[in-house]
Amino acid sequence: MRIEKIIENKKQFLDLLLLADEQENMIDKYLPGGELFALYDDDLKSVCVVVQINSKTCELKNIATYEIYQGKGYGSALINFIFDFYKNDYKTMLVGTGETPTILSFYESCGFEISYRLKNFFIDNYDHPIFEGDIQLVDMIYLKKNLGE
């Protein structure tokens, strides 16, 4: 397994990024200024994008694993890699997600703790209703991880 930081042609990973954020113009807001990492195990399995919020905080804006490889530890491995990668640059990493029990428990298993909620984020910022399974996403739930831990 290897993880590469992608510097050029980040849009080549759009199909995978759209699994985690299904509206391309929302991805276009953070992808150009974000740092993209790709995890390979023979072939591409997962990607993530991290952006700087301020001098002490960064945010994991997108993490996605192809569906056939989900549940095999690739997402967790990528998150552990970026925790280590950014631990000397930032104090805190944030991640925002919908209120979906399986996704929230995944982030909590990686060491994130629920921090705050942005009311109606998915309704106000997307041009169509967003569903995760049969759950319509309304509020954005932010979780945080102290990188010094």
N, C-alpha and C. Protein backbone atom coordinates (compact mmCIF):
# COMPACT_ATOMS: atom_id res chain seq x y z
N MET A 1 0.85 -1.18 0.00
CA MET A 1 0.00 0.00 0.00
C MET A 1 0.89 1.24 0.00
N ARG A 2 0.54 2.21 -0.85
CA ARG A 2 1.28 3.47 -0.89
C ARG A 2 0.30 4.63 -1.00
N ILE A 3 0.71 5.76 -0.43
CA ILE A 3 -0.11 6.97 -0.48
C ILE A 3 0.72 8.06 -1.14
N GLU A 4 0.14 8.71 -2.14
CA GLU A 4 0.82 9.77 -2.88
C GLU A 4 0.08 11.08 -2.72
N LYS A 5 0.83 12.17 -2.59
CA LYS A 5 0.24 13.49 -2.64
C LYS A 5 0.17 13.88 -4.12
N ILE A 6 -1.01 14.24 -4.56
CA ILE A 6 -1.24 14.57 -5.97
C ILE A 6 -1.15 16.08 -6.13
N ILE A 7 -0.25 16.51 -7.00
CA ILE A 7 -0.01 17.94 -7.20
C ILE A 7 -0.77 18.48 -8.42
N GLU A 8 -0.81 17.70 -9.49
CA GLU A 8 -1.40 18.17 -10.75
C GLU A 8 -2.57 17.29 -11.15
N ASN A 9 -3.45 17.86 -11.98
CA ASN A 9 -4.57 17.12 -12.57
C ASN A 9 -5.43 16.42 -11.51
N LYS A 10 -5.79 17.19 -10.48
CA LYS A 10 -6.59 16.63 -9.39
C LYS A 10 -7.97 16.17 -9.86
N LYS A 11 -8.48 16.79 -10.91
CA LYS A 11 -9.82 16.46 -11.40
C LYS A 11 -9.89 15.03 -11.95
N GLN A 12 -8.73 14.40 -12.21
CA GLN A 12 -8.76 13.02 -12.70
C GLN A 12 -9.39 12.08 -11.66
N PHE A 13 -9.49 12.53 -10.41
CA PHE A 13 -10.06 11.73 -9.33
C PHE A 13 -11.52 12.08 -9.05
N LEU A 14 -12.12 12.85 -9.95
CA LEU A 14 -13.47 13.36 -9.72
C LEU A 14 -14.49 12.24 -9.48
N ASP A 15 -14.38 11.13 -10.23
CA ASP A 15 -15.37 10.06 -10.06
C ASP A 15 -15.38 9.55 -8.62
N LEU A 16 -14.21 9.45 -8.02
CA LEU A 16 -14.11 8.98 -6.64
C LEU A 16 -14.54 10.07 -5.66
N LEU A 17 -14.13 11.31 -5.88
CA LEU A 17 -14.53 12.42 -5.01
C LEU A 17 -16.06 12.58 -4.98
N LEU A 18 -16.71 12.31 -6.12
CA LEU A 18 -18.16 12.45 -6.18
C LEU A 18 -18.90 11.41 -5.33
N LEU A 19 -18.23 10.34 -4.93
CA LEU A 19 -18.86 9.37 -4.02
C LEU A 19 -19.11 9.99 -2.66
N ALA A 20 -18.25 10.91 -2.25
CA ALA A 20 -18.37 11.53 -0.93
C ALA A 20 -19.05 12.90 -0.97
N ASP A 21 -19.02 13.54 -2.13
CA ASP A 21 -19.62 14.87 -2.28
C ASP A 21 -20.20 14.91 -3.68
N GLU A 22 -21.50 14.68 -3.79
CA GLU A 22 -22.08 14.37 -5.10
C GLU A 22 -22.36 15.57 -6.00
N GLN A 23 -21.97 16.77 -5.60
CA GLN A 23 -22.19 17.93 -6.45
C GLN A 23 -20.85 18.53 -6.85
N GLU A 24 -20.54 18.48 -8.13
CA GLU A 24 -19.22 18.86 -8.62
C GLU A 24 -18.84 20.30 -8.28
N ASN A 25 -19.80 21.23 -8.34
CA ASN A 25 -19.43 22.62 -8.06
C ASN A 25 -19.06 22.82 -6.59
N MET A 26 -19.52 21.95 -5.70
CA MET A 26 -19.07 22.02 -4.30
C MET A 26 -17.63 21.52 -4.18
N ILE A 27 -17.28 20.47 -4.90
CA ILE A 27 -15.90 19.98 -4.93
C ILE A 27 -14.98 21.05 -5.51
N ASP A 28 -15.46 21.74 -6.54
CA ASP A 28 -14.65 22.78 -7.18
C ASP A 28 -14.30 23.93 -6.23
N LYS A 29 -15.05 24.06 -5.14
CA LYS A 29 -14.76 25.13 -4.17
C LYS A 29 -13.52 24.82 -3.33
N TYR A 30 -13.23 23.54 -3.10
CA TYR A 30 -12.10 23.21 -2.23
C TYR A 30 -10.97 22.43 -2.91
N LEU A 31 -11.23 21.80 -4.03
CA LEU A 31 -10.20 20.98 -4.65
C LEU A 31 -8.99 21.78 -5.13
N PRO A 32 -9.16 22.93 -5.80
CA PRO A 32 -7.97 23.65 -6.29
C PRO A 32 -7.01 24.06 -5.18
N GLY A 33 -7.52 24.50 -4.04
CA GLY A 33 -6.66 24.94 -2.94
C GLY A 33 -6.35 23.85 -1.93
N GLY A 34 -6.95 22.69 -2.10
CA GLY A 34 -6.75 21.61 -1.15
C GLY A 34 -5.58 20.73 -1.54
N GLU A 35 -5.15 19.92 -0.58
CA GLU A 35 -4.11 18.94 -0.83
C GLU A 35 -4.78 17.58 -0.98
N LEU A 36 -4.54 16.95 -2.12
CA LEU A 36 -5.18 15.68 -2.47
C LEU A 36 -4.19 14.55 -2.26
N PHE A 37 -4.66 13.50 -1.60
CA PHE A 37 -3.86 12.31 -1.38
C PHE A 37 -4.61 11.11 -1.97
N ALA A 38 -3.86 10.22 -2.60
CA ALA A 38 -4.45 9.02 -3.19
C ALA A 38 -3.77 7.79 -2.60
N LEU A 39 -4.58 6.83 -2.20
CA LEU A 39 -4.09 5.57 -1.64
C LEU A 39 -4.21 4.48 -2.69
N TYR A 40 -3.09 3.83 -2.95
CA TYR A 40 -3.04 2.73 -3.91
C TYR A 40 -2.67 1.44 -3.19
N ASP A 41 -3.33 0.36 -3.56
CA ASP A 41 -2.96 -0.98 -3.14
C ASP A 41 -3.12 -1.80 -4.41
N ASP A 42 -2.05 -1.91 -5.18
CA ASP A 42 -2.07 -2.31 -6.59
C ASP A 42 -2.71 -1.19 -7.40
N ASP A 43 -4.03 -1.00 -7.30
CA ASP A 43 -4.67 0.11 -8.01
C ASP A 43 -5.27 1.09 -7.00
N LEU A 44 -5.87 2.16 -7.51
CA LEU A 44 -6.44 3.21 -6.68
C LEU A 44 -7.59 2.67 -5.84
N LYS A 45 -7.54 2.95 -4.54
CA LYS A 45 -8.60 2.52 -3.62
C LYS A 45 -9.34 3.69 -3.00
N SER A 46 -8.59 4.74 -2.55
CA SER A 46 -9.18 5.85 -1.79
C SER A 46 -8.48 7.15 -2.12
N VAL A 47 -9.21 8.25 -1.91
CA VAL A 47 -8.63 9.59 -2.00
C VAL A 47 -9.17 10.44 -0.86
N CYS A 48 -8.45 11.51 -0.55
CA CYS A 48 -8.96 12.51 0.39
C CYS A 48 -8.40 13.87 0.02
N VAL A 49 -9.09 14.91 0.48
CA VAL A 49 -8.67 16.29 0.26
C VAL A 49 -8.67 16.99 1.61
N VAL A 50 -7.57 17.69 1.91
CA VAL A 50 -7.43 18.44 3.15
C VAL A 50 -7.17 19.90 2.79
N VAL A 51 -7.86 20.82 3.48
CA VAL A 51 -7.66 22.25 3.25
C VAL A 51 -7.29 22.94 4.56
N GLN A 52 -6.54 24.02 4.44
CA GLN A 52 -6.19 24.83 5.60
C GLN A 52 -7.36 25.74 5.93
N ILE A 53 -7.74 25.78 7.21
CA ILE A 53 -8.78 26.69 7.68
C ILE A 53 -8.12 27.95 8.25
N ASN A 54 -7.12 27.76 9.09
CA ASN A 54 -6.31 28.87 9.62
C ASN A 54 -4.97 28.27 10.03
N SER A 55 -4.14 29.04 10.75
CA SER A 55 -2.79 28.58 11.06
C SER A 55 -2.76 27.37 12.00
N LYS A 56 -3.86 27.11 12.71
CA LYS A 56 -3.89 26.01 13.67
C LYS A 56 -4.83 24.88 13.28
N THR A 57 -5.66 25.09 12.26
CA THR A 57 -6.72 24.13 11.94
C THR A 57 -6.76 23.81 10.45
N CYS A 58 -6.92 22.52 10.16
CA CYS A 58 -7.17 22.08 8.79
C CYS A 58 -8.46 21.27 8.79
N GLU A 59 -9.01 21.05 7.59
CA GLU A 59 -10.26 20.30 7.49
C GLU A 59 -10.13 19.22 6.43
N LEU A 60 -10.54 18.03 6.79
CA LEU A 60 -10.69 16.93 5.85
C LEU A 60 -12.01 17.18 5.11
N LYS A 61 -11.91 17.64 3.87
CA LYS A 61 -13.11 18.04 3.11
C LYS A 61 -13.76 16.88 2.39
N ASN A 62 -12.98 15.87 2.05
CA ASN A 62 -13.53 14.77 1.27
C ASN A 62 -12.67 13.55 1.51
N ILE A 63 -13.28 12.44 1.76
CA ILE A 63 -12.57 11.16 1.77
C ILE A 63 -13.52 10.14 1.17
N ALA A 64 -13.00 9.39 0.21
CA ALA A 64 -13.84 8.42 -0.49
C ALA A 64 -13.04 7.19 -0.85
N THR A 65 -13.70 6.07 -0.74
CA THR A 65 -13.14 4.77 -1.13
C THR A 65 -14.13 4.13 -2.09
N TYR A 66 -13.61 3.57 -3.17
CA TYR A 66 -14.52 2.87 -4.09
C TYR A 66 -15.34 1.86 -3.30
N GLU A 67 -16.62 1.76 -3.65
CA GLU A 67 -17.55 0.96 -2.86
C GLU A 67 -17.10 -0.48 -2.68
N ILE A 68 -16.52 -1.09 -3.70
CA ILE A 68 -16.11 -2.49 -3.57
C ILE A 68 -14.96 -2.69 -2.60
N TYR A 69 -14.28 -1.61 -2.24
CA TYR A 69 -13.15 -1.70 -1.30
C TYR A 69 -13.50 -1.15 0.08
N GLN A 70 -14.73 -0.66 0.26
CA GLN A 70 -15.12 -0.11 1.56
C GLN A 70 -15.15 -1.21 2.61
N GLY A 71 -14.79 -0.84 3.84
CA GLY A 71 -14.79 -1.78 4.95
C GLY A 71 -13.53 -2.62 5.04
N LYS A 72 -12.54 -2.30 4.22
CA LYS A 72 -11.29 -3.08 4.21
C LYS A 72 -10.12 -2.31 4.85
N GLY A 73 -10.41 -1.15 5.45
CA GLY A 73 -9.38 -0.41 6.17
C GLY A 73 -8.66 0.66 5.38
N TYR A 74 -9.01 0.85 4.12
CA TYR A 74 -8.31 1.85 3.31
C TYR A 74 -8.59 3.28 3.78
N GLY A 75 -9.84 3.57 4.09
CA GLY A 75 -10.18 4.91 4.58
C GLY A 75 -9.49 5.22 5.90
N SER A 76 -9.49 4.26 6.81
CA SER A 76 -8.81 4.44 8.10
C SER A 76 -7.31 4.63 7.91
N ALA A 77 -6.73 3.86 7.01
CA ALA A 77 -5.29 3.99 6.75
C ALA A 77 -4.97 5.37 6.20
N LEU A 78 -5.81 5.88 5.32
CA LEU A 78 -5.60 7.21 4.74
C LEU A 78 -5.74 8.28 5.81
N ILE A 79 -6.73 8.16 6.67
CA ILE A 79 -6.92 9.13 7.76
C ILE A 79 -5.72 9.09 8.72
N ASN A 80 -5.26 7.92 9.08
CA ASN A 80 -4.08 7.83 9.96
C ASN A 80 -2.86 8.46 9.31
N PHE A 81 -2.72 8.28 8.01
CA PHE A 81 -1.61 8.90 7.28
C PHE A 81 -1.69 10.42 7.36
N ILE A 82 -2.88 10.99 7.10
CA ILE A 82 -2.97 12.46 7.12
C ILE A 82 -2.86 13.02 8.53
N PHE A 83 -3.30 12.28 9.54
CA PHE A 83 -3.05 12.72 10.93
C PHE A 83 -1.56 12.89 11.14
N ASP A 84 -0.79 11.91 10.73
CA ASP A 84 0.67 11.97 10.90
C ASP A 84 1.28 13.05 10.01
N PHE A 85 0.79 13.16 8.79
CA PHE A 85 1.32 14.13 7.83
C PHE A 85 1.17 15.56 8.34
N TYR A 86 0.04 15.87 8.97
CA TYR A 86 -0.26 17.24 9.38
C TYR A 86 0.02 17.55 10.85
N LYS A 87 0.45 16.58 11.64
CA LYS A 87 0.56 16.78 13.09
C LYS A 87 1.53 17.89 13.49
N ASN A 88 2.51 18.18 12.66
CA ASN A 88 3.45 19.26 12.99
C ASN A 88 3.04 20.60 12.41
N ASP A 89 1.99 20.61 11.58
CA ASP A 89 1.54 21.84 10.92
C ASP A 89 0.30 22.44 11.57
N TYR A 90 -0.56 21.59 12.11
CA TYR A 90 -1.83 22.04 12.67
C TYR A 90 -2.08 21.39 14.02
N LYS A 91 -2.86 22.10 14.84
CA LYS A 91 -3.24 21.56 16.15
C LYS A 91 -4.49 20.69 16.04
N THR A 92 -5.41 21.07 15.14
CA THR A 92 -6.71 20.42 15.06
C THR A 92 -7.08 20.11 13.61
N MET A 93 -7.71 18.96 13.42
CA MET A 93 -8.30 18.64 12.12
C MET A 93 -9.80 18.51 12.31
N LEU A 94 -10.55 19.13 11.42
CA LEU A 94 -12.00 19.04 11.41
C LEU A 94 -12.45 18.15 10.27
N VAL A 95 -13.63 17.59 10.39
CA VAL A 95 -14.29 16.92 9.27
C VAL A 95 -15.79 17.16 9.44
N GLY A 96 -16.44 17.49 8.33
CA GLY A 96 -17.89 17.69 8.36
C GLY A 96 -18.58 16.60 7.58
N THR A 97 -19.71 16.14 8.09
CA THR A 97 -20.44 15.06 7.42
C THR A 97 -21.92 15.18 7.75
N GLY A 98 -22.70 14.41 7.04
CA GLY A 98 -24.12 14.37 7.33
C GLY A 98 -24.38 13.55 8.59
N GLU A 99 -25.61 13.65 9.06
CA GLU A 99 -25.98 12.95 10.30
C GLU A 99 -26.37 11.51 9.98
N THR A 100 -25.35 10.72 9.68
CA THR A 100 -25.53 9.31 9.32
C THR A 100 -24.79 8.47 10.35
N PRO A 101 -25.48 7.62 11.08
CA PRO A 101 -24.83 6.86 12.16
C PRO A 101 -23.58 6.09 11.74
N THR A 102 -23.60 5.43 10.59
CA THR A 102 -22.44 4.63 10.20
C THR A 102 -21.22 5.51 9.90
N ILE A 103 -21.46 6.66 9.26
CA ILE A 103 -20.33 7.55 8.93
C ILE A 103 -19.81 8.22 10.20
N LEU A 104 -20.71 8.66 11.06
CA LEU A 104 -20.28 9.27 12.33
C LEU A 104 -19.47 8.27 13.16
N SER A 105 -19.91 7.02 13.21
CA SER A 105 -19.17 6.04 14.00
C SER A 105 -17.82 5.73 13.36
N PHE A 106 -17.73 5.78 12.02
CA PHE A 106 -16.44 5.60 11.35
C PHE A 106 -15.46 6.68 11.80
N TYR A 107 -15.89 7.95 11.73
CA TYR A 107 -15.00 9.04 12.13
C TYR A 107 -14.63 8.96 13.61
N GLU A 108 -15.59 8.59 14.45
CA GLU A 108 -15.30 8.45 15.87
C GLU A 108 -14.30 7.32 16.11
N SER A 109 -14.39 6.24 15.32
CA SER A 109 -13.43 5.14 15.47
C SER A 109 -12.03 5.56 15.05
N CYS A 110 -11.94 6.61 14.23
CA CYS A 110 -10.64 7.16 13.81
C CYS A 110 -10.09 8.19 14.81
N GLY A 111 -10.86 8.50 15.84
CA GLY A 111 -10.38 9.43 16.86
C GLY A 111 -11.01 10.81 16.84
N PHE A 112 -11.95 11.04 15.94
CA PHE A 112 -12.67 12.32 15.90
C PHE A 112 -13.74 12.32 16.99
N GLU A 113 -14.05 13.53 17.49
CA GLU A 113 -15.14 13.72 18.45
C GLU A 113 -16.09 14.77 17.90
N ILE A 114 -17.39 14.58 18.14
CA ILE A 114 -18.37 15.55 17.66
C ILE A 114 -18.09 16.91 18.29
N SER A 115 -18.12 17.95 17.44
CA SER A 115 -17.77 19.29 17.88
C SER A 115 -18.96 20.26 17.80
N TYR A 116 -19.54 20.41 16.62
CA TYR A 116 -20.68 21.33 16.47
C TYR A 116 -21.47 20.97 15.22
N ARG A 117 -22.57 21.68 15.01
CA ARG A 117 -23.52 21.41 13.93
C ARG A 117 -23.79 22.70 13.16
N LEU A 118 -23.84 22.59 11.83
CA LEU A 118 -24.29 23.71 10.98
C LEU A 118 -25.68 23.36 10.49
N LYS A 119 -26.67 24.09 11.00
CA LYS A 119 -28.07 23.82 10.66
C LYS A 119 -28.32 24.03 9.16
N ASN A 120 -29.06 23.12 8.59
CA ASN A 120 -29.55 23.20 7.20
C ASN A 120 -28.47 23.31 6.14
N PHE A 121 -27.24 22.89 6.43
CA PHE A 121 -26.13 23.04 5.48
C PHE A 121 -26.44 22.39 4.14
N PHE A 122 -26.93 21.16 4.17
CA PHE A 122 -27.15 20.44 2.92
C PHE A 122 -28.34 21.00 2.13
N ILE A 123 -29.31 21.55 2.83
CA ILE A 123 -30.46 22.16 2.17
C ILE A 123 -30.06 23.50 1.55
N ASP A 124 -29.26 24.27 2.27
CA ASP A 124 -28.88 25.61 1.82
C ASP A 124 -27.79 25.61 0.74
N ASN A 125 -26.96 24.57 0.68
CA ASN A 125 -25.79 24.61 -0.19
C ASN A 125 -25.82 23.66 -1.39
N TYR A 126 -26.81 22.80 -1.48
CA TYR A 126 -26.90 21.86 -2.59
C TYR A 126 -28.17 22.13 -3.38
N ASP A 127 -28.10 21.89 -4.69
CA ASP A 127 -29.24 22.21 -5.55
C ASP A 127 -30.29 21.11 -5.60
N HIS A 128 -30.09 20.04 -4.83
CA HIS A 128 -31.06 18.95 -4.76
C HIS A 128 -30.91 18.26 -3.41
N PRO A 129 -31.93 17.54 -2.97
CA PRO A 129 -31.82 16.83 -1.69
C PRO A 129 -30.70 15.79 -1.75
N ILE A 130 -29.93 15.70 -0.67
CA ILE A 130 -28.82 14.76 -0.57
C ILE A 130 -29.24 13.64 0.39
N PHE A 131 -29.09 12.41 -0.08
CA PHE A 131 -29.44 11.26 0.74
C PHE A 131 -28.22 10.37 0.94
N GLU A 132 -28.10 9.82 2.12
CA GLU A 132 -27.13 8.78 2.43
C GLU A 132 -27.97 7.57 2.79
N GLY A 133 -28.08 6.63 1.86
CA GLY A 133 -29.03 5.54 2.05
C GLY A 133 -30.43 6.11 1.99
N ASP A 134 -31.22 5.86 3.03
CA ASP A 134 -32.58 6.41 3.06
C ASP A 134 -32.69 7.63 3.98
N ILE A 135 -31.54 8.16 4.43
CA ILE A 135 -31.53 9.32 5.32
C ILE A 135 -31.24 10.58 4.52
N GLN A 136 -32.18 11.57 4.57
CA GLN A 136 -31.90 12.85 3.92
C GLN A 136 -31.00 13.66 4.83
N LEU A 137 -29.91 14.17 4.25
CA LEU A 137 -28.97 14.98 5.02
C LEU A 137 -29.48 16.41 5.09
N VAL A 138 -29.50 16.97 6.29
CA VAL A 138 -29.97 18.32 6.53
C VAL A 138 -28.85 19.14 7.15
N ASP A 139 -28.45 18.80 8.36
CA ASP A 139 -27.40 19.53 9.07
C ASP A 139 -26.03 18.91 8.79
N MET A 140 -25.01 19.76 8.80
CA MET A 140 -23.63 19.28 8.73
C MET A 140 -23.15 19.10 10.16
N ILE A 141 -22.65 17.90 10.46
CA ILE A 141 -22.10 17.61 11.77
C ILE A 141 -20.58 17.72 11.65
N TYR A 142 -19.98 18.60 12.45
CA TYR A 142 -18.52 18.74 12.44
C TYR A 142 -17.93 17.95 13.60
N LEU A 143 -16.88 17.22 13.28
CA LEU A 143 -16.11 16.50 14.28
C LEU A 143 -14.70 17.05 14.26
N LYS A 144 -13.99 16.90 15.38
CA LYS A 144 -12.62 17.40 15.46
C LYS A 144 -11.70 16.36 16.06
N LYS A 145 -10.45 16.49 15.71
CA LYS A 145 -9.40 15.62 16.26
C LYS A 145 -8.21 16.49 16.59
N ASN A 146 -7.73 16.39 17.82
CA ASN A 146 -6.50 17.09 18.20
C ASN A 146 -5.33 16.27 17.67
N LEU A 147 -4.53 16.89 16.82
CA LEU A 147 -3.47 16.15 16.14
C LEU A 147 -2.27 15.85 17.03
N GLY A 148 -2.21 16.49 18.19
CA GLY A 148 -1.11 16.22 19.11
C GLY A 148 -1.30 14.96 19.94
N GLU A 149 -2.47 14.31 19.78
CA GLU A 149 -2.78 13.13 20.61
C GLU A 149 -2.34 11.85 19.95
